[in-house]
Amino acid sequence: MNNIITKFFASLLAYRVANKKKRFSAIGHFSEGLAPARGKIQWGYIDKENQEILPFKYDIAEPFYNNIARAGLYGKSMKINKQGSECL
């Protein structure tokens, strides 16, 4: 239970720090140095310095795990790597 609470507050803190300029409507939790973030409409990935790493083009984006994240693009679910390339 403490782990869930810790992750919640860490994500909330990351959101507030990264979103000082209101660039994002939502930010997921950081995993492997990146976090999914939603711009005005679509999702992309940012680093801890609030820099865009993968473009904001995804319909949905999940955190990375073992260098792979699940994302959705044009209604298609896929797995991507940290360079944004689709993985099989």
PDB file of N, CA and C in Angstrom:
ATOM      1  N   MET A   1       0.818  -1.192   0.000  1.00  0.00           N
ATOM      2  CA  MET A   1       0.000   0.000   0.000  1.00  0.00           C
ATOM      3  C   MET A   1       0.865   1.260   0.000  1.00  0.00           C
ATOM      4  N   ASN A   2       1.936   1.268   0.808  1.00  0.00           N
ATOM      5  CA  ASN A   2       2.818   2.432   0.855  1.00  0.00           C
ATOM      6  C   ASN A   2       3.445   2.710  -0.496  1.00  0.00           C
ATOM      7  N   ASN A   3       3.765   1.646  -1.251  1.00  0.00           N
ATOM      8  CA  ASN A   3       4.364   1.814  -2.568  1.00  0.00           C
ATOM      9  C   ASN A   3       3.402   2.532  -3.514  1.00  0.00           C
ATOM     10  N   ILE A   4       2.127   2.202  -3.459  1.00  0.00           N
ATOM     11  CA  ILE A   4       1.120   2.847  -4.300  1.00  0.00           C
ATOM     12  C   ILE A   4       0.988   4.317  -3.926  1.00  0.00           C
ATOM     13  N   ILE A   5       0.952   4.605  -2.641  1.00  0.00           N
ATOM     14  CA  ILE A   5       0.842   5.988  -2.175  1.00  0.00           C
ATOM     15  C   ILE A   5       2.079   6.779  -2.579  1.00  0.00           C
ATOM     16  N   THR A   6       3.252   6.185  -2.428  1.00  0.00           N
ATOM     17  CA  THR A   6       4.495   6.850  -2.820  1.00  0.00           C
ATOM     18  C   THR A   6       4.489   7.170  -4.306  1.00  0.00           C
ATOM     19  N   LYS A   7       4.087   6.207  -5.145  1.00  0.00           N
ATOM     20  CA  LYS A   7       4.030   6.443  -6.594  1.00  0.00           C
ATOM     21  C   LYS A   7       3.034   7.546  -6.932  1.00  0.00           C
ATOM     22  N   PHE A   8       1.899   7.576  -6.242  1.00  0.00           N
ATOM     23  CA  PHE A   8       0.894   8.605  -6.492  1.00  0.00           C
ATOM     24  C   PHE A   8       1.466   9.992  -6.216  1.00  0.00           C
ATOM     25  N   PHE A   9       2.066  10.176  -5.046  1.00  0.00           N
ATOM     26  CA  PHE A   9       2.602  11.486  -4.702  1.00  0.00           C
ATOM     27  C   PHE A   9       3.809  11.852  -5.561  1.00  0.00           C
ATOM     28  N   ALA A  10       4.619  10.879  -5.943  1.00  0.00           N
ATOM     29  CA  ALA A  10       5.746  11.148  -6.843  1.00  0.00           C
ATOM     30  C   ALA A  10       5.233  11.606  -8.201  1.00  0.00           C
ATOM     31  N   SER A  11       4.182  10.966  -8.700  1.00  0.00           N
ATOM     32  CA  SER A  11       3.596  11.367  -9.979  1.00  0.00           C
ATOM     33  C   SER A  11       2.977  12.757  -9.886  1.00  0.00           C
ATOM     34  N   LEU A  12       2.299  13.040  -8.781  1.00  0.00           N
ATOM     35  CA  LEU A  12       1.701  14.353  -8.586  1.00  0.00           C
ATOM     36  C   LEU A  12       2.774  15.433  -8.528  1.00  0.00           C
ATOM     37  N   LEU A  13       3.846  15.179  -7.810  1.00  0.00           N
ATOM     38  CA  LEU A  13       4.945  16.132  -7.729  1.00  0.00           C
ATOM     39  C   LEU A  13       5.583  16.328  -9.097  1.00  0.00           C
ATOM     40  N   ALA A  14       5.823  15.239  -9.827  1.00  0.00           N
ATOM     41  CA  ALA A  14       6.407  15.337 -11.166  1.00  0.00           C
ATOM     42  C   ALA A  14       5.510  16.162 -12.077  1.00  0.00           C
ATOM     43  N   TYR A  15       4.210  15.959 -11.987  1.00  0.00           N
ATOM     44  CA  TYR A  15       3.260  16.724 -12.803  1.00  0.00           C
ATOM     45  C   TYR A  15       3.355  18.210 -12.487  1.00  0.00           C
ATOM     46  N   ARG A  16       3.362  18.547 -11.224  1.00  0.00           N
ATOM     47  CA  ARG A  16       3.405  19.963 -10.843  1.00  0.00           C
ATOM     48  C   ARG A  16       4.721  20.618 -11.248  1.00  0.00           C
ATOM     49  N   VAL A  17       5.827  19.908 -11.092  1.00  0.00           N
ATOM     50  CA  VAL A  17       7.130  20.460 -11.469  1.00  0.00           C
ATOM     51  C   VAL A  17       7.220  20.612 -12.977  1.00  0.00           C
ATOM     52  N   ALA A  18       6.854  19.575 -13.721  1.00  0.00           N
ATOM     53  CA  ALA A  18       6.979  19.592 -15.177  1.00  0.00           C
ATOM     54  C   ALA A  18       5.960  20.511 -15.827  1.00  0.00           C
ATOM     55  N   ASN A  19       4.875  20.785 -15.166  1.00  0.00           N
ATOM     56  CA  ASN A  19       3.786  21.517 -15.794  1.00  0.00           C
ATOM     57  C   ASN A  19       3.691  22.967 -15.322  1.00  0.00           C
ATOM     58  N   LYS A  20       4.795  23.547 -14.915  1.00  0.00           N
ATOM     59  CA  LYS A  20       4.778  24.931 -14.439  1.00  0.00           C
ATOM     60  C   LYS A  20       4.212  25.881 -15.485  1.00  0.00           C
ATOM     61  N   LYS A  21       4.519  25.635 -16.754  1.00  0.00           N
ATOM     62  CA  LYS A  21       4.080  26.519 -17.828  1.00  0.00           C
ATOM     63  C   LYS A  21       2.782  26.045 -18.474  1.00  0.00           C
ATOM     64  N   LYS A  22       2.117  25.082 -17.881  1.00  0.00           N
ATOM     65  CA  LYS A  22       0.835  24.564 -18.364  1.00  0.00           C
ATOM     66  C   LYS A  22       0.930  24.037 -19.795  1.00  0.00           C
ATOM     67  N   ARG A  23       2.036  23.382 -20.110  1.00  0.00           N
ATOM     68  CA  ARG A  23       2.219  22.803 -21.445  1.00  0.00           C
ATOM     69  C   ARG A  23       1.487  21.480 -21.591  1.00  0.00           C
ATOM     70  N   PHE A  24       1.181  20.833 -20.482  1.00  0.00           N
ATOM     71  CA  PHE A  24       0.613  19.491 -20.529  1.00  0.00           C
ATOM     72  C   PHE A  24      -0.718  19.448 -19.790  1.00  0.00           C
ATOM     73  N   SER A  25      -1.645  18.681 -20.341  1.00  0.00           N
ATOM     74  CA  SER A  25      -2.926  18.514 -19.652  1.00  0.00           C
ATOM     75  C   SER A  25      -2.889  17.313 -18.716  1.00  0.00           C
ATOM     76  N   ALA A  26      -1.903  16.427 -18.913  1.00  0.00           N
ATOM     77  CA  ALA A  26      -1.720  15.268 -18.029  1.00  0.00           C
ATOM     78  C   ALA A  26      -0.302  14.746 -18.197  1.00  0.00           C
ATOM     79  N   ILE A  27       0.246  14.194 -17.125  1.00  0.00           N
ATOM     80  CA  ILE A  27       1.567  13.570 -17.167  1.00  0.00           C
ATOM     81  C   ILE A  27       1.488  12.270 -16.385  1.00  0.00           C
ATOM     82  N   GLY A  28       1.944  11.176 -16.995  1.00  0.00           N
ATOM     83  CA  GLY A  28       2.005   9.886 -16.319  1.00  0.00           C
ATOM     84  C   GLY A  28       3.235   9.821 -15.434  1.00  0.00           C
ATOM     85  N   HIS A  29       3.460   8.680 -14.814  1.00  0.00           N
ATOM     86  CA  HIS A  29       4.625   8.581 -13.933  1.00  0.00           C
ATOM     87  C   HIS A  29       5.889   8.286 -14.743  1.00  0.00           C
ATOM     88  N   PHE A  30       7.001   8.788 -14.231  1.00  0.00           N
ATOM     89  CA  PHE A  30       8.291   8.573 -14.876  1.00  0.00           C
ATOM     90  C   PHE A  30       8.736   7.134 -14.669  1.00  0.00           C
ATOM     91  N   SER A  31       9.202   6.536 -15.735  1.00  0.00           N
ATOM     92  CA  SER A  31       9.718   5.181 -15.711  1.00  0.00           C
ATOM     93  C   SER A  31      10.852   5.117 -16.719  1.00  0.00           C
ATOM     94  N   GLU A  32      12.004   4.677 -16.274  1.00  0.00           N
ATOM     95  CA  GLU A  32      13.182   4.571 -17.135  1.00  0.00           C
ATOM     96  C   GLU A  32      13.550   5.927 -17.746  1.00  0.00           C
ATOM     97  N   GLY A  33      13.334   6.994 -16.973  1.00  0.00           N
ATOM     98  CA  GLY A  33      13.743   8.331 -17.378  1.00  0.00           C
ATOM     99  C   GLY A  33      12.759   9.089 -18.241  1.00  0.00           C
ATOM    100  N   LEU A  34      11.638   8.466 -18.614  1.00  0.00           N
ATOM    101  CA  LEU A  34      10.641   9.129 -19.460  1.00  0.00           C
ATOM    102  C   LEU A  34       9.255   9.015 -18.836  1.00  0.00           C
ATOM    103  N   ALA A  35       8.397   9.951 -19.204  1.00  0.00           N
ATOM    104  CA  ALA A  35       7.004   9.902 -18.752  1.00  0.00           C
ATOM    105  C   ALA A  35       6.096  10.222 -19.926  1.00  0.00           C
ATOM    106  N   PRO A  36       4.971   9.519 -20.040  1.00  0.00           N
ATOM    107  CA  PRO A  36       3.995   9.918 -21.046  1.00  0.00           C
ATOM    108  C   PRO A  36       3.361  11.239 -20.618  1.00  0.00           C
ATOM    109  N   ALA A  37       3.158  12.124 -21.572  1.00  0.00           N
ATOM    110  CA  ALA A  37       2.560  13.420 -21.272  1.00  0.00           C
ATOM    111  C   ALA A  37       1.568  13.761 -22.379  1.00  0.00           C
ATOM    112  N   ARG A  38       0.479  14.373 -21.988  1.00  0.00           N
ATOM    113  CA  ARG A  38      -0.526  14.766 -22.966  1.00  0.00           C
ATOM    114  C   ARG A  38      -0.423  16.257 -23.202  1.00  0.00           C
ATOM    115  N   GLY A  39      -0.313  16.622 -24.470  1.00  0.00           N
ATOM    116  CA  GLY A  39      -0.323  18.030 -24.849  1.00  0.00           C
ATOM    117  C   GLY A  39      -1.764  18.507 -24.907  1.00  0.00           C
ATOM    118  N   LYS A  40      -2.091  19.279 -25.905  1.00  0.00           N
ATOM    119  CA  LYS A  40      -3.468  19.753 -26.044  1.00  0.00           C
ATOM    120  C   LYS A  40      -4.416  18.618 -26.402  1.00  0.00           C
ATOM    121  N   ILE A  41      -3.981  17.723 -27.278  1.00  0.00           N
ATOM    122  CA  ILE A  41      -4.855  16.638 -27.730  1.00  0.00           C
ATOM    123  C   ILE A  41      -4.167  15.284 -27.640  1.00  0.00           C
ATOM    124  N   GLN A  42      -2.928  15.195 -28.088  1.00  0.00           N
ATOM    125  CA  GLN A  42      -2.262  13.901 -28.198  1.00  0.00           C
ATOM    126  C   GLN A  42      -1.162  13.723 -27.158  1.00  0.00           C
ATOM    127  N   TRP A  43      -0.692  12.471 -27.064  1.00  0.00           N
ATOM    128  CA  TRP A  43       0.319  12.083 -26.090  1.00  0.00           C
ATOM    129  C   TRP A  43       1.688  11.972 -26.737  1.00  0.00           C
ATOM    130  N   GLY A  44       2.721  12.230 -25.944  1.00  0.00           N
ATOM    131  CA  GLY A  44       4.111  12.026 -26.328  1.00  0.00           C
ATOM    132  C   GLY A  44       4.879  11.646 -25.073  1.00  0.00           C
ATOM    133  N   TYR A  45       6.198  11.751 -25.127  1.00  0.00           N
ATOM    134  CA  TYR A  45       7.024  11.397 -23.968  1.00  0.00           C
ATOM    135  C   TYR A  45       7.994  12.530 -23.669  1.00  0.00           C
ATOM    136  N   ILE A  46       8.161  12.809 -22.384  1.00  0.00           N
ATOM    137  CA  ILE A  46       9.090  13.839 -21.931  1.00  0.00           C
ATOM    138  C   ILE A  46      10.109  13.219 -20.988  1.00  0.00           C
ATOM    139  N   ASP A  47      11.242  13.933 -20.830  1.00  0.00           N
ATOM    140  CA  ASP A  47      12.232  13.498 -19.848  1.00  0.00           C
ATOM    141  C   ASP A  47      12.053  14.323 -18.577  1.00  0.00           C
ATOM    142  N   LYS A  48      12.913  14.096 -17.604  1.00  0.00           N
ATOM    143  CA  LYS A  48      12.772  14.775 -16.309  1.00  0.00           C
ATOM    144  C   LYS A  48      13.120  16.257 -16.376  1.00  0.00           C
ATOM    145  N   GLU A  49      13.722  16.689 -17.479  1.00  0.00           N
ATOM    146  CA  GLU A  49      14.001  18.110 -17.680  1.00  0.00           C
ATOM    147  C   GLU A  49      12.876  18.787 -18.451  1.00  0.00           C
ATOM    148  N   ASN A  50      11.752  18.072 -18.631  1.00  0.00           N
ATOM    149  CA  ASN A  50      10.578  18.628 -19.292  1.00  0.00           C
ATOM    150  C   ASN A  50      10.778  18.810 -20.796  1.00  0.00           C
ATOM    151  N   GLN A  51      11.716  18.071 -21.371  1.00  0.00           N
ATOM    152  CA  GLN A  51      11.991  18.161 -22.802  1.00  0.00           C
ATOM    153  C   GLN A  51      11.246  17.060 -23.548  1.00  0.00           C
ATOM    154  N   GLU A  52      10.698  17.400 -24.699  1.00  0.00           N
ATOM    155  CA  GLU A  52      10.012  16.416 -25.532  1.00  0.00           C
ATOM    156  C   GLU A  52      11.032  15.437 -26.106  1.00  0.00           C
ATOM    157  N   ILE A  53      10.827  14.149 -25.849  1.00  0.00           N
ATOM    158  CA  ILE A  53      11.715  13.107 -26.353  1.00  0.00           C
ATOM    159  C   ILE A  53      11.070  12.395 -27.536  1.00  0.00           C
ATOM    160  N   LEU A  54       9.812  12.037 -27.402  1.00  0.00           N
ATOM    161  CA  LEU A  54       9.047  11.461 -28.511  1.00  0.00           C
ATOM    162  C   LEU A  54       7.889  12.405 -28.794  1.00  0.00           C
ATOM    163  N   PRO A  55       7.579  12.637 -30.059  1.00  0.00           N
ATOM    164  CA  PRO A  55       6.582  13.652 -30.420  1.00  0.00           C
ATOM    165  C   PRO A  55       5.185  13.357 -29.886  1.00  0.00           C
ATOM    166  N   PHE A  56       4.417  14.410 -29.752  1.00  0.00           N
ATOM    167  CA  PHE A  56       3.040  14.320 -29.282  1.00  0.00           C
ATOM    168  C   PHE A  56       2.145  13.955 -30.466  1.00  0.00           C
ATOM    169  N   LYS A  57       2.099  12.652 -30.745  1.00  0.00           N
ATOM    170  CA  LYS A  57       1.320  12.170 -31.886  1.00  0.00           C
ATOM    171  C   LYS A  57       0.453  10.963 -31.543  1.00  0.00           C
ATOM    172  N   TYR A  58       0.566  10.445 -30.346  1.00  0.00           N
ATOM    173  CA  TYR A  58      -0.123   9.214 -29.970  1.00  0.00           C
ATOM    174  C   TYR A  58      -1.505   9.496 -29.378  1.00  0.00           C
ATOM    175  N   ASP A  59      -2.441   8.592 -29.662  1.00  0.00           N
ATOM    176  CA  ASP A  59      -3.784   8.687 -29.086  1.00  0.00           C
ATOM    177  C   ASP A  59      -3.757   8.330 -27.606  1.00  0.00           C
ATOM    178  N   ILE A  60      -2.871   7.428 -27.241  1.00  0.00           N
ATOM    179  CA  ILE A  60      -2.702   6.983 -25.858  1.00  0.00           C
ATOM    180  C   ILE A  60      -1.250   6.553 -25.680  1.00  0.00           C
ATOM    181  N   ALA A  61      -0.718   6.701 -24.481  1.00  0.00           N
ATOM    182  CA  ALA A  61       0.671   6.317 -24.208  1.00  0.00           C
ATOM    183  C   ALA A  61       0.784   5.829 -22.769  1.00  0.00           C
ATOM    184  N   GLU A  62       1.539   4.766 -22.587  1.00  0.00           N
ATOM    185  CA  GLU A  62       1.765   4.196 -21.259  1.00  0.00           C
ATOM    186  C   GLU A  62       3.247   4.301 -20.914  1.00  0.00           C
ATOM    187  N   PRO A  63       3.602   4.181 -19.635  1.00  0.00           N
ATOM    188  CA  PRO A  63       5.011   4.260 -19.232  1.00  0.00           C
ATOM    189  C   PRO A  63       5.849   3.122 -19.823  1.00  0.00           C
ATOM    190  N   PHE A  64       7.155   3.362 -19.892  1.00  0.00           N
ATOM    191  CA  PHE A  64       8.091   2.353 -20.387  1.00  0.00           C
ATOM    192  C   PHE A  64       8.360   1.303 -19.318  1.00  0.00           C
ATOM    193  N   TYR A  65       8.556   0.084 -19.777  1.00  0.00           N
ATOM    194  CA  TYR A  65       8.937  -1.034 -18.927  1.00  0.00           C
ATOM    195  C   TYR A  65       9.846  -1.919 -19.761  1.00  0.00           C
ATOM    196  N   ASN A  66      11.067  -2.149 -19.297  1.00  0.00           N
ATOM    197  CA  ASN A  66      12.070  -2.909 -20.063  1.00  0.00           C
ATOM    198  C   ASN A  66      12.284  -2.303 -21.446  1.00  0.00           C
ATOM    199  N   ASN A  67      12.370  -0.980 -21.505  1.00  0.00           N
ATOM    200  CA  ASN A  67      12.632  -0.215 -22.727  1.00  0.00           C
ATOM    201  C   ASN A  67      11.516  -0.272 -23.765  1.00  0.00           C
ATOM    202  N   ILE A  68      10.342  -0.743 -23.395  1.00  0.00           N
ATOM    203  CA  ILE A  68       9.204  -0.834 -24.313  1.00  0.00           C
ATOM    204  C   ILE A  68       7.990  -0.182 -23.655  1.00  0.00           C
ATOM    205  N   ALA A  69       7.203   0.541 -24.451  1.00  0.00           N
ATOM    206  CA  ALA A  69       5.957   1.137 -23.959  1.00  0.00           C
ATOM    207  C   ALA A  69       4.835   0.810 -24.932  1.00  0.00           C
ATOM    208  N   ARG A  70       3.645   0.725 -24.408  1.00  0.00           N
ATOM    209  CA  ARG A  70       2.475   0.516 -25.260  1.00  0.00           C
ATOM    210  C   ARG A  70       1.914   1.894 -25.604  1.00  0.00           C
ATOM    211  N   ALA A  71       1.621   2.094 -26.887  1.00  0.00           N
ATOM    212  CA  ALA A  71       1.065   3.359 -27.352  1.00  0.00           C
ATOM    213  C   ALA A  71       0.006   3.067 -28.406  1.00  0.00           C
ATOM    214  N   GLY A  72      -0.841   4.032 -28.645  1.00  0.00           N
ATOM    215  CA  GLY A  72      -1.869   3.893 -29.664  1.00  0.00           C
ATOM    216  C   GLY A  72      -1.743   5.010 -30.679  1.00  0.00           C
ATOM    217  N   LEU A  73      -1.866   4.651 -31.949  1.00  0.00           N
ATOM    218  CA  LEU A  73      -1.753   5.631 -33.026  1.00  0.00           C
ATOM    219  C   LEU A  73      -2.781   5.289 -34.091  1.00  0.00           C
ATOM    220  N   TYR A  74      -3.669   6.233 -34.375  1.00  0.00           N
ATOM    221  CA  TYR A  74      -4.740   6.033 -35.365  1.00  0.00           C
ATOM    222  C   TYR A  74      -5.583   4.806 -35.043  1.00  0.00           C
ATOM    223  N   GLY A  75      -5.863   4.591 -33.769  1.00  0.00           N
ATOM    224  CA  GLY A  75      -6.689   3.474 -33.342  1.00  0.00           C
ATOM    225  C   GLY A  75      -5.978   2.135 -33.288  1.00  0.00           C
ATOM    226  N   LYS A  76      -4.683   2.114 -33.581  1.00  0.00           N
ATOM    227  CA  LYS A  76      -3.903   0.875 -33.567  1.00  0.00           C
ATOM    228  C   LYS A  76      -3.023   0.847 -32.321  1.00  0.00           C
ATOM    229  N   SER A  77      -3.101  -0.237 -31.557  1.00  0.00           N
ATOM    230  CA  SER A  77      -2.251  -0.413 -30.388  1.00  0.00           C
ATOM    231  C   SER A  77      -0.925  -1.019 -30.828  1.00  0.00           C
ATOM    232  N   MET A  78       0.163  -0.499 -30.291  1.00  0.00           N
ATOM    233  CA  MET A  78       1.488  -0.993 -30.664  1.00  0.00           C
ATOM    234  C   MET A  78       2.439  -0.878 -29.490  1.00  0.00           C
ATOM    235  N   LYS A  79       3.575  -1.523 -29.614  1.00  0.00           N
ATOM    236  CA  LYS A  79       4.665  -1.376 -28.656  1.00  0.00           C
ATOM    237  C   LYS A  79       5.748  -0.567 -29.345  1.00  0.00           C
ATOM    238  N   ILE A  80       6.294   0.421 -28.615  1.00  0.00           N
ATOM    239  CA  ILE A  80       7.348   1.263 -29.176  1.00  0.00           C
ATOM    240  C   ILE A  80       8.576   1.229 -28.277  1.00  0.00           C
ATOM    241  N   ASN A  81       9.740   1.539 -28.869  1.00  0.00           N
ATOM    242  CA  ASN A  81      10.957   1.668 -28.080  1.00  0.00           C
ATOM    243  C   ASN A  81      11.192   3.144 -27.781  1.00  0.00           C
ATOM    244  N   LYS A  82      12.288   3.462 -27.123  1.00  0.00           N
ATOM    245  CA  LYS A  82      12.546   4.839 -26.698  1.00  0.00           C
ATOM    246  C   LYS A  82      12.913   5.769 -27.852  1.00  0.00           C
ATOM    247  N   GLN A  83      13.087   5.217 -29.047  1.00  0.00           N
ATOM    248  CA  GLN A  83      13.309   6.034 -30.235  1.00  0.00           C
ATOM    249  C   GLN A  83      11.999   6.265 -30.991  1.00  0.00           C
ATOM    250  N   GLY A  84      10.920   5.643 -30.525  1.00  0.00           N
ATOM    251  CA  GLY A  84       9.621   5.800 -31.158  1.00  0.00           C
ATOM    252  C   GLY A  84       9.344   4.797 -32.259  1.00  0.00           C
ATOM    253  N   SER A  85      10.264   3.857 -32.465  1.00  0.00           N
ATOM    254  CA  SER A  85      10.068   2.836 -33.493  1.00  0.00           C
ATOM    255  C   SER A  85       9.158   1.737 -32.968  1.00  0.00           C
ATOM    256  N   GLU A  86       8.311   1.225 -33.850  1.00  0.00           N
ATOM    257  CA  GLU A  86       7.411   0.139 -33.468  1.00  0.00           C
ATOM    258  C   GLU A  86       8.198  -1.149 -33.290  1.00  0.00           C
ATOM    259  N   CYS A  87       7.888  -1.876 -32.232  1.00  0.00           N
ATOM    260  CA  CYS A  87       8.542  -3.153 -31.933  1.00  0.00           C
ATOM    261  C   CYS A  87       7.556  -4.279 -32.188  1.00  0.00           C
ATOM    262  N   LEU A  88       8.083  -5.399 -32.598  1.00  0.00           N
ATOM    263  CA  LEU A  88       7.217  -6.564 -32.833  1.00  0.00           C
ATOM    264  C   LEU A  88       7.072  -7.381 -31.590  1.00  0.00           C
TER     265      LEU A  88
END
